[in-house]
């Protein structure tokens, strides 16, 4: 999952070297913390959060196939 989020984010931003994804395990679910450069934050979130929602939907569907719970936090 971590690689999936990283590939999606790097395709969207102008500064792909600043993209990092950190996985944090809490209880029975995984939280993926996506860090991007401040100037690329708008590109990852998108208008009215549409791109962020799409990223979360893709990750959630991939996690469901593996019987896991994964959420994405953009920071």
PDB file of N, CA and C in Angstrom:
ATOM      1  N   UNK A   1       0.814  -1.193   0.000  1.00  0.00           N
ATOM      2  CA  UNK A   1       0.000   0.000   0.000  1.00  0.00           C
ATOM      3  C   UNK A   1       0.861   1.262   0.000  1.00  0.00           C
ATOM      4  N   UNK A   2       1.931   1.190   0.752  1.00  0.00           N
ATOM      5  CA  UNK A   2       2.812   2.343   0.886  1.00  0.00           C
ATOM      6  C   UNK A   2       3.387   2.750  -0.478  1.00  0.00           C
ATOM      7  N   UNK A   3       3.793   1.777  -1.265  1.00  0.00           N
ATOM      8  CA  UNK A   3       4.357   2.065  -2.582  1.00  0.00           C
ATOM      9  C   UNK A   3       3.299   2.640  -3.521  1.00  0.00           C
ATOM     10  N   UNK A   4       2.070   2.145  -3.404  1.00  0.00           N
ATOM     11  CA  UNK A   4       0.975   2.632  -4.236  1.00  0.00           C
ATOM     12  C   UNK A   4       0.727   4.124  -4.006  1.00  0.00           C
ATOM     13  N   UNK A   5       0.662   4.527  -2.748  1.00  0.00           N
ATOM     14  CA  UNK A   5       0.442   5.939  -2.419  1.00  0.00           C
ATOM     15  C   UNK A   5       1.613   6.784  -2.906  1.00  0.00           C
ATOM     16  N   UNK A   6       2.819   6.270  -2.750  1.00  0.00           N
ATOM     17  CA  UNK A   6       4.005   7.017  -3.165  1.00  0.00           C
ATOM     18  C   UNK A   6       4.026   7.224  -4.680  1.00  0.00           C
ATOM     19  N   UNK A   7       3.696   6.208  -5.444  1.00  0.00           N
ATOM     20  CA  UNK A   7       3.682   6.323  -6.905  1.00  0.00           C
ATOM     21  C   UNK A   7       2.607   7.305  -7.366  1.00  0.00           C
ATOM     22  N   UNK A   8       1.420   7.216  -6.767  1.00  0.00           N
ATOM     23  CA  UNK A   8       0.340   8.138  -7.130  1.00  0.00           C
ATOM     24  C   UNK A   8       0.728   9.588  -6.825  1.00  0.00           C
ATOM     25  N   UNK A   9       1.299   9.822  -5.650  1.00  0.00           N
ATOM     26  CA  UNK A   9       1.657  11.184  -5.251  1.00  0.00           C
ATOM     27  C   UNK A   9       2.781  11.740  -6.116  1.00  0.00           C
ATOM     28  N   UNK A  10       3.782  10.927  -6.406  1.00  0.00           N
ATOM     29  CA  UNK A  10       4.910  11.405  -7.217  1.00  0.00           C
ATOM     30  C   UNK A  10       4.466  11.778  -8.633  1.00  0.00           C
ATOM     31  N   UNK A  11       3.423  11.131  -9.126  1.00  0.00           N
ATOM     32  CA  UNK A  11       2.922  11.458 -10.456  1.00  0.00           C
ATOM     33  C   UNK A  11       2.201  12.801 -10.475  1.00  0.00           C
ATOM     34  N   UNK A  12       1.740  13.258  -9.320  1.00  0.00           N
ATOM     35  CA  UNK A  12       0.964  14.494  -9.252  1.00  0.00           C
ATOM     36  C   UNK A  12       1.791  15.748  -8.978  1.00  0.00           C
ATOM     37  N   UNK A  13       2.880  15.620  -8.255  1.00  0.00           N
ATOM     38  CA  UNK A  13       3.605  16.793  -7.747  1.00  0.00           C
ATOM     39  C   UNK A  13       4.716  17.242  -8.688  1.00  0.00           C
ATOM     40  N   UNK A  14       5.193  18.472  -8.460  1.00  0.00           N
ATOM     41  CA  UNK A  14       6.310  19.001  -9.229  1.00  0.00           C
ATOM     42  C   UNK A  14       7.645  18.636  -8.590  1.00  0.00           C
ATOM     43  N   UNK A  15       7.634  18.344  -7.287  1.00  0.00           N
ATOM     44  CA  UNK A  15       8.854  18.011  -6.563  1.00  0.00           C
ATOM     45  C   UNK A  15       8.734  16.581  -6.020  1.00  0.00           C
ATOM     46  N   UNK A  16       8.938  15.563  -6.864  1.00  0.00           N
ATOM     47  CA  UNK A  16       8.734  14.184  -6.414  1.00  0.00           C
ATOM     48  C   UNK A  16       9.745  13.708  -5.373  1.00  0.00           C
ATOM     49  N   UNK A  17      10.891  14.389  -5.270  1.00  0.00           N
ATOM     50  CA  UNK A  17      11.883  13.988  -4.272  1.00  0.00           C
ATOM     51  C   UNK A  17      11.418  14.275  -2.848  1.00  0.00           C
ATOM     52  N   UNK A  18      10.473  15.189  -2.684  1.00  0.00           N
ATOM     53  CA  UNK A  18       9.980  15.557  -1.358  1.00  0.00           C
ATOM     54  C   UNK A  18       8.848  14.653  -0.870  1.00  0.00           C
ATOM     55  N   UNK A  19       8.408  13.719  -1.705  1.00  0.00           N
ATOM     56  CA  UNK A  19       7.299  12.839  -1.337  1.00  0.00           C
ATOM     57  C   UNK A  19       7.816  11.687  -0.483  1.00  0.00           C
ATOM     58  N   UNK A  20       7.206  11.537   0.707  1.00  0.00           N
ATOM     59  CA  UNK A  20       7.513  10.393   1.563  1.00  0.00           C
ATOM     60  C   UNK A  20       6.206   9.847   2.120  1.00  0.00           C
ATOM     61  N   UNK A  21       6.193   8.550   2.356  1.00  0.00           N
ATOM     62  CA  UNK A  21       5.024   7.897   2.923  1.00  0.00           C
ATOM     63  C   UNK A  21       5.481   7.099   4.132  1.00  0.00           C
ATOM     64  N   UNK A  22       4.835   7.360   5.259  1.00  0.00           N
ATOM     65  CA  UNK A  22       5.170   6.695   6.515  1.00  0.00           C
ATOM     66  C   UNK A  22       3.983   5.836   6.940  1.00  0.00           C
ATOM     67  N   UNK A  23       4.235   4.591   7.270  1.00  0.00           N
ATOM     68  CA  UNK A  23       3.178   3.680   7.693  1.00  0.00           C
ATOM     69  C   UNK A  23       3.193   3.560   9.221  1.00  0.00           C
ATOM     70  N   UNK A  24       2.029   3.799   9.833  1.00  0.00           N
ATOM     71  CA  UNK A  24       1.887   3.701  11.283  1.00  0.00           C
ATOM     72  C   UNK A  24       0.792   2.681  11.583  1.00  0.00           C
ATOM     73  N   UNK A  25       1.120   1.674  12.378  1.00  0.00           N
ATOM     74  CA  UNK A  25       0.156   0.639  12.759  1.00  0.00           C
ATOM     75  C   UNK A  25      -0.567   1.066  14.032  1.00  0.00           C
ATOM     76  N   UNK A  26      -1.884   1.092  13.991  1.00  0.00           N
ATOM     77  CA  UNK A  26      -2.707   1.386  15.159  1.00  0.00           C
ATOM     78  C   UNK A  26      -3.799   0.347  15.252  1.00  0.00           C
ATOM     79  N   UNK A  27      -3.836  -0.361  16.368  1.00  0.00           N
ATOM     80  CA  UNK A  27      -4.821  -1.419  16.581  1.00  0.00           C
ATOM     81  C   UNK A  27      -4.821  -2.372  15.387  1.00  0.00           C
ATOM     82  N   UNK A  28      -5.934  -2.462  14.692  1.00  0.00           N
ATOM     83  CA  UNK A  28      -6.022  -3.394  13.565  1.00  0.00           C
ATOM     84  C   UNK A  28      -5.973  -2.692  12.215  1.00  0.00           C
ATOM     85  N   UNK A  29      -5.617  -1.393  12.204  1.00  0.00           N
ATOM     86  CA  UNK A  29      -5.570  -0.696  10.924  1.00  0.00           C
ATOM     87  C   UNK A  29      -4.246   0.029  10.743  1.00  0.00           C
ATOM     88  N   UNK A  30      -3.950   0.344   9.513  1.00  0.00           N
ATOM     89  CA  UNK A  30      -2.716   1.027   9.147  1.00  0.00           C
ATOM     90  C   UNK A  30      -3.045   2.439   8.686  1.00  0.00           C
ATOM     91  N   UNK A  31      -2.267   3.394   9.163  1.00  0.00           N
ATOM     92  CA  UNK A  31      -2.420   4.779   8.724  1.00  0.00           C
ATOM     93  C   UNK A  31      -1.191   5.122   7.890  1.00  0.00           C
ATOM     94  N   UNK A  32      -1.427   5.519   6.645  1.00  0.00           N
ATOM     95  CA  UNK A  32      -0.350   5.944   5.767  1.00  0.00           C
ATOM     96  C   UNK A  32      -0.292   7.461   5.780  1.00  0.00           C
ATOM     97  N   UNK A  33       0.816   8.002   6.256  1.00  0.00           N
ATOM     98  CA  UNK A  33       0.990   9.459   6.331  1.00  0.00           C
ATOM     99  C   UNK A  33       1.800   9.905   5.122  1.00  0.00           C
ATOM    100  N   UNK A  34       1.137  10.655   4.253  1.00  0.00           N
ATOM    101  CA  UNK A  34       1.753  11.154   3.034  1.00  0.00           C
ATOM    102  C   UNK A  34       2.280  12.557   3.276  1.00  0.00           C
ATOM    103  N   UNK A  35       3.577  12.724   3.096  1.00  0.00           N
ATOM    104  CA  UNK A  35       4.215  14.030   3.264  1.00  0.00           C
ATOM    105  C   UNK A  35       4.648  14.535   1.893  1.00  0.00           C
ATOM    106  N   UNK A  36       4.238  15.754   1.549  1.00  0.00           N
ATOM    107  CA  UNK A  36       4.646  16.393   0.292  1.00  0.00           C
ATOM    108  C   UNK A  36       5.148  17.797   0.608  1.00  0.00           C
ATOM    109  N   UNK A  37       5.828  18.403  -0.357  1.00  0.00           N
ATOM    110  CA  UNK A  37       6.295  19.778  -0.194  1.00  0.00           C
ATOM    111  C   UNK A  37       5.086  20.702  -0.074  1.00  0.00           C
ATOM    112  N   UNK A  38       5.250  21.778   0.659  1.00  0.00           N
ATOM    113  CA  UNK A  38       4.149  22.706   0.913  1.00  0.00           C
ATOM    114  C   UNK A  38       3.550  23.257  -0.373  1.00  0.00           C
ATOM    115  N   UNK A  39       4.385  23.543  -1.363  1.00  0.00           N
ATOM    116  CA  UNK A  39       3.867  24.102  -2.615  1.00  0.00           C
ATOM    117  C   UNK A  39       3.113  23.064  -3.458  1.00  0.00           C
ATOM    118  N   UNK A  40       3.285  21.775  -3.155  1.00  0.00           N
ATOM    119  CA  UNK A  40       2.578  20.715  -3.876  1.00  0.00           C
ATOM    120  C   UNK A  40       1.317  20.238  -3.158  1.00  0.00           C
ATOM    121  N   UNK A  41       1.029  20.795  -2.009  1.00  0.00           N
ATOM    122  CA  UNK A  41      -0.121  20.349  -1.217  1.00  0.00           C
ATOM    123  C   UNK A  41      -1.430  20.498  -2.004  1.00  0.00           C
ATOM    124  N   UNK A  42      -1.595  21.582  -2.711  1.00  0.00           N
ATOM    125  CA  UNK A  42      -2.812  21.814  -3.486  1.00  0.00           C
ATOM    126  C   UNK A  42      -2.982  20.820  -4.623  1.00  0.00           C
ATOM    127  N   UNK A  43      -1.873  20.389  -5.208  1.00  0.00           N
ATOM    128  CA  UNK A  43      -1.945  19.416  -6.289  1.00  0.00           C
ATOM    129  C   UNK A  43      -2.408  18.052  -5.788  1.00  0.00           C
ATOM    130  N   UNK A  44      -2.004  17.691  -4.589  1.00  0.00           N
ATOM    131  CA  UNK A  44      -2.368  16.388  -4.034  1.00  0.00           C
ATOM    132  C   UNK A  44      -3.804  16.398  -3.514  1.00  0.00           C
ATOM    133  N   UNK A  45      -4.235  17.529  -2.974  1.00  0.00           N
ATOM    134  CA  UNK A  45      -5.590  17.609  -2.437  1.00  0.00           C
ATOM    135  C   UNK A  45      -6.599  17.842  -3.568  1.00  0.00           C
ATOM    136  N   UNK A  46      -6.295  18.729  -4.488  1.00  0.00           N
ATOM    137  CA  UNK A  46      -7.187  18.988  -5.617  1.00  0.00           C
ATOM    138  C   UNK A  46      -8.342  19.907  -5.245  1.00  0.00           C
ATOM    139  N   UNK A  47      -9.101  20.294  -6.238  1.00  0.00           N
ATOM    140  CA  UNK A  47     -10.256  21.159  -6.006  1.00  0.00           C
ATOM    141  C   UNK A  47     -11.298  20.411  -5.195  1.00  0.00           C
ATOM    142  N   UNK A  48     -11.704  21.024  -4.113  1.00  0.00           N
ATOM    143  CA  UNK A  48     -12.697  20.467  -3.191  1.00  0.00           C
ATOM    144  C   UNK A  48     -12.318  19.069  -2.706  1.00  0.00           C
ATOM    145  N   UNK A  49     -11.009  18.764  -2.692  1.00  0.00           N
ATOM    146  CA  UNK A  49     -10.534  17.496  -2.156  1.00  0.00           C
ATOM    147  C   UNK A  49     -10.775  16.296  -3.042  1.00  0.00           C
ATOM    148  N   UNK A  50     -11.024  16.530  -4.310  1.00  0.00           N
ATOM    149  CA  UNK A  50     -11.368  15.420  -5.204  1.00  0.00           C
ATOM    150  C   UNK A  50     -10.204  14.454  -5.422  1.00  0.00           C
ATOM    151  N   UNK A  51      -9.004  14.976  -5.604  1.00  0.00           N
ATOM    152  CA  UNK A  51      -7.857  14.093  -5.836  1.00  0.00           C
ATOM    153  C   UNK A  51      -7.531  13.309  -4.569  1.00  0.00           C
ATOM    154  N   UNK A  52      -7.571  13.967  -3.418  1.00  0.00           N
ATOM    155  CA  UNK A  52      -7.325  13.274  -2.150  1.00  0.00           C
ATOM    156  C   UNK A  52      -8.351  12.165  -1.932  1.00  0.00           C
ATOM    157  N   UNK A  53      -9.595  12.439  -2.253  1.00  0.00           N
ATOM    158  CA  UNK A  53     -10.647  11.430  -2.114  1.00  0.00           C
ATOM    159  C   UNK A  53     -10.408  10.262  -3.060  1.00  0.00           C
ATOM    160  N   UNK A  54      -9.955  10.553  -4.268  1.00  0.00           N
ATOM    161  CA  UNK A  54      -9.671   9.492  -5.236  1.00  0.00           C
ATOM    162  C   UNK A  54      -8.514   8.610  -4.762  1.00  0.00           C
ATOM    163  N   UNK A  55      -7.472   9.226  -4.218  1.00  0.00           N
ATOM    164  CA  UNK A  55      -6.338   8.460  -3.682  1.00  0.00           C
ATOM    165  C   UNK A  55      -6.810   7.553  -2.551  1.00  0.00           C
ATOM    166  N   UNK A  56      -7.620   8.097  -1.654  1.00  0.00           N
ATOM    167  CA  UNK A  56      -8.129   7.304  -0.530  1.00  0.00           C
ATOM    168  C   UNK A  56      -9.009   6.150  -1.014  1.00  0.00           C
ATOM    169  N   UNK A  57      -9.805   6.387  -2.046  1.00  0.00           N
ATOM    170  CA  UNK A  57     -10.673   5.338  -2.592  1.00  0.00           C
ATOM    171  C   UNK A  57      -9.852   4.211  -3.205  1.00  0.00           C
ATOM    172  N   UNK A  58      -8.820   4.552  -3.946  1.00  0.00           N
ATOM    173  CA  UNK A  58      -7.955   3.540  -4.563  1.00  0.00           C
ATOM    174  C   UNK A  58      -7.264   2.700  -3.496  1.00  0.00           C
ATOM    175  N   UNK A  59      -6.726   3.359  -2.485  1.00  0.00           N
ATOM    176  CA  UNK A  59      -6.021   2.642  -1.418  1.00  0.00           C
ATOM    177  C   UNK A  59      -6.987   1.770  -0.628  1.00  0.00           C
ATOM    178  N   UNK A  60      -8.172   2.294  -0.357  1.00  0.00           N
ATOM    179  CA  UNK A  60      -9.154   1.525   0.408  1.00  0.00           C
ATOM    180  C   UNK A  60      -9.577   0.275  -0.356  1.00  0.00           C
ATOM    181  N   UNK A  61      -9.782   0.390  -1.654  1.00  0.00           N
ATOM    182  CA  UNK A  61     -10.189  -0.779  -2.433  1.00  0.00           C
ATOM    183  C   UNK A  61      -9.058  -1.802  -2.530  1.00  0.00           C
ATOM    184  N   UNK A  62      -7.815  -1.344  -2.643  1.00  0.00           N
ATOM    185  CA  UNK A  62      -6.679  -2.265  -2.672  1.00  0.00           C
ATOM    186  C   UNK A  62      -6.510  -2.953  -1.317  1.00  0.00           C
ATOM    187  N   UNK A  63      -6.747  -2.227  -0.241  1.00  0.00           N
ATOM    188  CA  UNK A  63      -6.631  -2.805   1.102  1.00  0.00           C
ATOM    189  C   UNK A  63      -7.743  -3.805   1.373  1.00  0.00           C
ATOM    190  N   UNK A  64      -8.927  -3.542   0.866  1.00  0.00           N
ATOM    191  CA  UNK A  64     -10.060  -4.445   1.048  1.00  0.00           C
ATOM    192  C   UNK A  64      -9.783  -5.797   0.399  1.00  0.00           C
ATOM    193  N   UNK A  65      -9.113  -5.786  -0.729  1.00  0.00           N
ATOM    194  CA  UNK A  65      -8.773  -7.042  -1.403  1.00  0.00           C
ATOM    195  C   UNK A  65      -7.836  -7.893  -0.553  1.00  0.00           C
ATOM    196  N   UNK A  66      -7.054  -7.246   0.340  1.00  0.00           N
ATOM    197  CA  UNK A  66      -6.126  -7.960   1.210  1.00  0.00           C
ATOM    198  C   UNK A  66      -6.660  -8.095   2.633  1.00  0.00           C
ATOM    199  N   UNK A  67      -7.944  -7.783   2.817  1.00  0.00           N
ATOM    200  CA  UNK A  67      -8.603  -7.851   4.134  1.00  0.00           C
ATOM    201  C   UNK A  67      -7.892  -7.015   5.190  1.00  0.00           C
ATOM    202  N   UNK A  68      -7.537  -5.796   4.837  1.00  0.00           N
ATOM    203  CA  UNK A  68      -6.883  -4.865   5.759  1.00  0.00           C
ATOM    204  C   UNK A  68      -7.650  -3.556   5.776  1.00  0.00           C
ATOM    205  N   UNK A  69      -7.429  -2.790   6.836  1.00  0.00           N
ATOM    206  CA  UNK A  69      -7.997  -1.439   6.926  1.00  0.00           C
ATOM    207  C   UNK A  69      -6.852  -0.451   6.829  1.00  0.00           C
ATOM    208  N   UNK A  70      -6.929   0.416   5.836  1.00  0.00           N
ATOM    209  CA  UNK A  70      -5.878   1.404   5.617  1.00  0.00           C
ATOM    210  C   UNK A  70      -6.521   2.765   5.388  1.00  0.00           C
ATOM    211  N   UNK A  71      -5.975   3.788   6.042  1.00  0.00           N
ATOM    212  CA  UNK A  71      -6.414   5.156   5.804  1.00  0.00           C
ATOM    213  C   UNK A  71      -5.202   5.982   5.368  1.00  0.00           C
ATOM    214  N   UNK A  72      -5.468   7.069   4.643  1.00  0.00           N
ATOM    215  CA  UNK A  72      -4.398   7.937   4.153  1.00  0.00           C
ATOM    216  C   UNK A  72      -4.578   9.316   4.762  1.00  0.00           C
ATOM    217  N   UNK A  73      -3.534   9.807   5.412  1.00  0.00           N
ATOM    218  CA  UNK A  73      -3.495  11.170   5.929  1.00  0.00           C
ATOM    219  C   UNK A  73      -2.489  11.963   5.103  1.00  0.00           C
ATOM    220  N   UNK A  74      -2.913  13.116   4.605  1.00  0.00           N
ATOM    221  CA  UNK A  74      -2.026  13.955   3.815  1.00  0.00           C
ATOM    222  C   UNK A  74      -1.519  15.083   4.700  1.00  0.00           C
ATOM    223  N   UNK A  75      -0.188  15.180   4.774  1.00  0.00           N
ATOM    224  CA  UNK A  75       0.426  16.184   5.651  1.00  0.00           C
ATOM    225  C   UNK A  75       1.425  17.005   4.907  1.00  0.00           C
TER     226      UNK A  75
END
